[in-house]
N, C-alpha and C. Protein backbone atom coordinates (compact mmCIF):
# COMPACT_ATOMS: atom_id res chain seq x y z
N MET A 1 -17.82 14.40 -15.28
CA MET A 1 -19.71 14.03 -15.54
C MET A 1 -19.76 12.80 -15.85
N SER A 2 -20.18 11.96 -15.52
CA SER A 2 -20.23 10.32 -16.13
C SER A 2 -21.54 10.24 -16.73
N GLY A 3 -21.47 9.44 -16.94
CA GLY A 3 -23.27 8.72 -17.67
C GLY A 3 -23.93 9.86 -19.01
N LEU A 4 -22.97 10.36 -19.36
CA LEU A 4 -23.67 11.87 -20.35
C LEU A 4 -23.45 11.12 -21.72
N GLU A 5 -24.42 11.40 -22.56
CA GLU A 5 -24.34 10.41 -23.85
C GLU A 5 -24.98 11.68 -24.65
N ILE A 6 -24.73 11.63 -25.75
CA ILE A 6 -25.02 12.40 -27.16
C ILE A 6 -26.71 12.00 -27.53
N PHE A 7 -27.86 12.43 -27.33
CA PHE A 7 -29.05 11.87 -28.24
C PHE A 7 -29.82 12.78 -29.26
N GLN A 8 -30.60 12.05 -29.79
CA GLN A 8 -31.01 12.99 -31.00
C GLN A 8 -32.39 13.59 -30.70
N ASN A 9 -32.55 14.76 -31.05
CA ASN A 9 -33.34 15.46 -29.98
C ASN A 9 -34.51 16.27 -31.04
N GLY A 10 -35.01 15.71 -32.20
CA GLY A 10 -35.84 16.19 -33.58
C GLY A 10 -34.82 16.88 -34.72
N THR A 11 -35.28 17.09 -35.21
CA THR A 11 -34.77 18.01 -36.68
C THR A 11 -34.69 19.18 -36.92
N SER A 12 -33.93 19.66 -37.36
CA SER A 12 -33.61 21.20 -37.69
C SER A 12 -34.81 22.07 -38.38
N LEU A 13 -35.31 23.16 -38.06
CA LEU A 13 -35.92 23.53 -38.92
C LEU A 13 -35.62 24.68 -39.38
N HIS A 14 -34.66 24.83 -39.58
CA HIS A 14 -33.61 26.57 -39.75
C HIS A 14 -34.07 26.19 -40.97
N PRO A 15 -33.81 26.98 -42.27
CA PRO A 15 -34.17 26.71 -43.76
C PRO A 15 -32.67 26.59 -44.29
N ASP A 16 -31.50 26.53 -43.73
CA ASP A 16 -30.20 26.21 -44.47
C ASP A 16 -30.03 24.83 -43.96
N THR A 17 -30.57 24.31 -42.82
CA THR A 17 -30.18 22.69 -42.57
C THR A 17 -31.82 21.92 -41.93
N MET A 18 -33.00 22.15 -43.10
CA MET A 18 -33.97 21.77 -42.98
C MET A 18 -33.89 19.82 -43.04
N GLY A 19 -34.53 19.89 -41.83
CA GLY A 19 -34.84 18.39 -41.81
C GLY A 19 -33.33 17.35 -41.31
N GLU A 20 -32.31 18.30 -40.75
CA GLU A 20 -31.41 17.39 -40.48
C GLU A 20 -31.67 17.02 -38.84
N PRO A 21 -30.91 16.31 -38.19
CA PRO A 21 -31.49 15.62 -36.74
C PRO A 21 -30.20 16.56 -35.89
N ILE A 22 -31.10 17.33 -34.86
CA ILE A 22 -30.44 18.08 -33.93
C ILE A 22 -30.03 17.04 -32.97
N TYR A 23 -29.52 17.58 -31.97
CA TYR A 23 -28.39 16.71 -31.08
C TYR A 23 -28.08 17.16 -29.38
N GLN A 24 -28.16 16.85 -28.84
CA GLN A 24 -28.26 17.43 -27.38
C GLN A 24 -27.06 16.38 -26.50
N ILE A 25 -27.13 16.74 -25.23
CA ILE A 25 -26.28 16.37 -24.41
C ILE A 25 -27.01 15.78 -23.23
N GLY A 26 -27.02 14.86 -22.45
CA GLY A 26 -27.66 14.65 -21.45
C GLY A 26 -27.50 12.78 -20.78
N THR A 27 -28.35 12.73 -19.94
CA THR A 27 -27.81 11.66 -18.76
C THR A 27 -29.59 10.91 -19.55
N LYS A 28 -29.42 9.56 -19.29
CA LYS A 28 -30.36 8.51 -19.61
C LYS A 28 -31.37 8.34 -18.41
N ASN A 29 -32.59 8.60 -18.38
CA ASN A 29 -33.24 7.87 -17.45
C ASN A 29 -33.78 6.73 -16.80
N ALA A 30 -34.30 6.53 -16.15
CA ALA A 30 -34.65 4.77 -16.08
C ALA A 30 -35.98 4.16 -17.69
N ASP A 31 -36.69 5.45 -16.70
CA ASP A 31 -38.00 5.35 -18.41
C ASP A 31 -37.32 5.44 -19.78
N GLY A 32 -36.00 5.51 -19.83
CA GLY A 32 -35.68 5.58 -21.26
C GLY A 32 -35.49 7.12 -21.70
N GLY A 33 -36.25 8.14 -21.30
CA GLY A 33 -36.07 9.57 -21.75
C GLY A 33 -34.66 9.82 -21.28
N TYR A 34 -34.35 11.18 -21.60
CA TYR A 34 -33.69 12.06 -21.51
C TYR A 34 -33.58 13.31 -20.37
N ASP A 35 -32.43 13.23 -19.92
CA ASP A 35 -32.33 15.01 -19.07
C ASP A 35 -31.25 15.76 -20.08
N ALA A 36 -31.50 16.55 -20.48
CA ALA A 36 -30.51 17.37 -20.89
C ALA A 36 -30.08 18.23 -19.91
N VAL A 37 -28.44 18.18 -20.70
CA VAL A 37 -27.66 18.76 -19.60
C VAL A 37 -27.19 20.16 -20.36
N VAL A 38 -26.56 19.98 -21.76
CA VAL A 38 -26.32 21.02 -22.68
C VAL A 38 -27.85 20.89 -23.69
N PHE A 39 -28.22 22.38 -23.38
CA PHE A 39 -29.56 22.45 -24.28
C PHE A 39 -29.28 23.10 -25.96
N ASP A 40 -28.04 23.17 -26.19
CA ASP A 40 -27.93 23.73 -27.21
C ASP A 40 -28.15 23.14 -28.24
N ALA A 41 -28.85 23.23 -29.97
CA ALA A 41 -28.78 22.12 -30.64
C ALA A 41 -27.39 22.45 -31.58
N MET A 42 -27.07 20.95 -31.68
CA MET A 42 -25.90 20.47 -32.27
C MET A 42 -25.71 19.64 -33.38
N THR A 43 -24.95 19.78 -34.01
CA THR A 43 -24.53 18.62 -35.21
C THR A 43 -24.05 17.29 -34.33
N LYS A 44 -24.23 16.46 -35.31
CA LYS A 44 -23.30 15.11 -34.31
C LYS A 44 -22.24 15.24 -34.08
N LYS A 45 -21.31 15.67 -34.93
CA LYS A 45 -19.76 16.12 -35.21
C LYS A 45 -19.56 17.20 -33.92
N GLU A 46 -20.59 18.17 -33.68
CA GLU A 46 -20.12 19.14 -32.79
C GLU A 46 -20.91 18.17 -31.33
N ALA A 47 -21.59 17.98 -31.31
CA ALA A 47 -21.85 17.17 -29.98
C ALA A 47 -21.10 16.28 -29.45
N GLN A 48 -20.18 15.40 -30.49
CA GLN A 48 -19.36 14.78 -29.72
C GLN A 48 -18.11 15.46 -29.65
N ALA A 49 -17.58 16.80 -30.20
CA ALA A 49 -16.29 17.39 -29.68
C ALA A 49 -17.04 17.84 -28.35
N ARG A 50 -17.80 17.89 -28.37
CA ARG A 50 -18.24 19.18 -26.90
C ARG A 50 -18.60 18.17 -26.04
N LEU A 51 -18.73 17.06 -25.55
CA LEU A 51 -18.91 15.58 -24.98
C LEU A 51 -17.72 15.87 -24.94
N ALA A 52 -16.70 15.39 -25.79
CA ALA A 52 -15.16 14.72 -25.36
C ALA A 52 -14.53 16.29 -24.53
N ASP A 53 -14.95 17.28 -24.85
CA ASP A 53 -14.73 18.51 -23.84
C ASP A 53 -14.54 18.60 -22.22
N MET A 54 -15.59 18.35 -22.24
CA MET A 54 -16.73 17.89 -20.65
C MET A 54 -15.81 16.70 -20.28
N GLN A 55 -15.60 15.88 -20.84
CA GLN A 55 -15.18 14.87 -20.38
C GLN A 55 -13.91 14.83 -19.58
N PRO A 56 -13.76 14.18 -18.17
CA PRO A 56 -12.46 14.33 -16.96
C PRO A 56 -11.10 14.05 -18.00
N LYS A 57 -10.53 14.71 -17.79
CA LYS A 57 -9.11 14.47 -18.74
C LYS A 57 -8.09 13.56 -17.60
N ALA A 58 -7.86 12.31 -18.20
CA ALA A 58 -7.09 11.52 -17.47
C ALA A 58 -5.35 12.06 -16.76
N PRO A 59 -4.99 12.06 -15.94
CA PRO A 59 -3.51 12.83 -15.82
C PRO A 59 -2.10 11.90 -16.63
N LYS A 60 -1.49 12.82 -17.30
CA LYS A 60 -0.54 12.00 -18.22
C LYS A 60 0.36 11.22 -17.55
N ALA A 61 0.61 10.23 -17.59
CA ALA A 61 1.58 9.20 -17.16
C ALA A 61 3.27 9.70 -17.63
N LYS A 62 3.93 10.15 -16.29
CA LYS A 62 5.29 10.71 -16.49
C LYS A 62 5.90 9.57 -16.67
N PRO A 63 6.49 9.47 -17.94
CA PRO A 63 7.46 8.59 -18.18
C PRO A 63 8.90 8.35 -16.99
N VAL A 64 9.00 6.94 -16.92
CA VAL A 64 9.99 6.74 -16.07
C VAL A 64 10.90 6.22 -16.35
N ALA A 65 12.11 7.07 -16.25
CA ALA A 65 13.51 6.83 -16.32
C ALA A 65 14.26 5.12 -16.15
N LYS A 66 14.75 4.72 -17.18
CA LYS A 66 15.20 3.80 -16.99
C LYS A 66 16.42 3.89 -16.35
N LYS A 67 16.59 2.57 -15.17
CA LYS A 67 17.64 2.50 -14.50
C LYS A 67 18.70 1.79 -14.80
N LYS A 68 19.87 2.49 -14.93
CA LYS A 68 20.97 1.78 -15.24
C LYS A 68 20.96 0.78 -13.89
N PRO A 69 21.73 -0.88 -14.04
CA PRO A 69 22.37 -1.62 -13.00
C PRO A 69 23.44 -0.83 -12.43
N ALA A 70 23.37 -1.09 -11.18
CA ALA A 70 24.80 -0.10 -10.19
C ALA A 70 25.20 -1.29 -11.00
N VAL A 71 26.46 -0.41 -11.28
CA VAL A 71 27.95 -1.33 -11.75
C VAL A 71 28.76 -1.63 -9.97
N LYS A 72 29.13 -2.90 -10.03
CA LYS A 72 29.91 -2.84 -8.51
C LYS A 72 31.14 -2.69 -8.48
N LYS A 73 31.65 -1.63 -8.12
CA LYS A 73 33.35 -1.44 -7.47
C LYS A 73 34.09 -2.60 -7.29
N VAL A 74 34.71 -3.06 -7.61
CA VAL A 74 35.92 -4.33 -6.86
C VAL A 74 36.90 -3.71 -6.33
N ALA A 75 37.38 -3.49 -5.07
CA ALA A 75 38.54 -2.80 -4.54
C ALA A 75 39.48 -3.69 -5.07
N LYS A 76 40.42 -3.04 -5.50
CA LYS A 76 41.62 -3.62 -6.04
C LYS A 76 42.37 -4.05 -4.31
N LYS A 77 42.52 -5.43 -4.70
CA LYS A 77 44.19 -6.04 -3.33
C LYS A 77 44.89 -5.42 -3.12
N ALA A 78 45.51 -5.08 -2.63
CA ALA A 78 46.65 -4.45 -2.09
C ALA A 78 47.70 -5.69 -2.54
N LYS A 79 48.33 -5.31 -3.43
CA LYS A 79 49.87 -6.87 -3.37
C LYS A 79 50.49 -7.02 -2.38
N ALA A 80 50.74 -7.85 -1.74
CA ALA A 80 51.40 -8.36 -0.83
C ALA A 80 52.96 -8.02 -1.13
N LYS A 81 53.55 -7.40 -0.53
CA LYS A 81 54.78 -7.18 -0.54
C LYS A 81 55.94 -8.49 -0.23
N LYS A 82 57.12 -8.40 -0.62
CA LYS A 82 57.95 -9.52 -0.40
C LYS A 82 59.13 -9.13 0.35
N LYS A 83 59.40 -9.72 1.28
CA LYS A 83 60.08 -9.66 2.31
C LYS A 83 61.24 -9.87 1.88
N PRO A 84 62.28 -8.77 2.22
CA PRO A 84 63.80 -9.08 1.05
C PRO A 84 64.19 -10.44 2.15
N THR A 85 64.95 -11.14 0.91
CA THR A 85 65.45 -12.20 1.81
C THR A 85 66.91 -11.91 1.86
N ARG A 86 67.45 -12.38 3.05
CA ARG A 86 68.60 -12.42 3.27
C ARG A 86 70.13 -13.10 2.73
N LYS A 87 70.77 -12.57 2.15
CA LYS A 87 71.80 -13.78 2.17
C LYS A 87 72.57 -14.35 3.05
N ARG A 88 72.89 -15.50 2.75
CA ARG A 88 73.59 -16.10 3.88
C ARG A 88 75.20 -16.21 3.49
């Protein structure tokens, strides 16, 4: 859900939180208003956490194993056998 934003939509009328700002999550219109997607009245901290949960998770990159350089195997050359010499 791209384009979602947190916006303040009034203040709390609850006796315990009287006058504190209320936040909702929605998309911004061309005229500057908002279309609410999440209608729950939340504190800013709650709205940020909820928005983070709604965002798509990026796939975790798998760690690439470092490859060791190939060791070149050198074939041992066969030693040339000396021909026995004849004694004259």
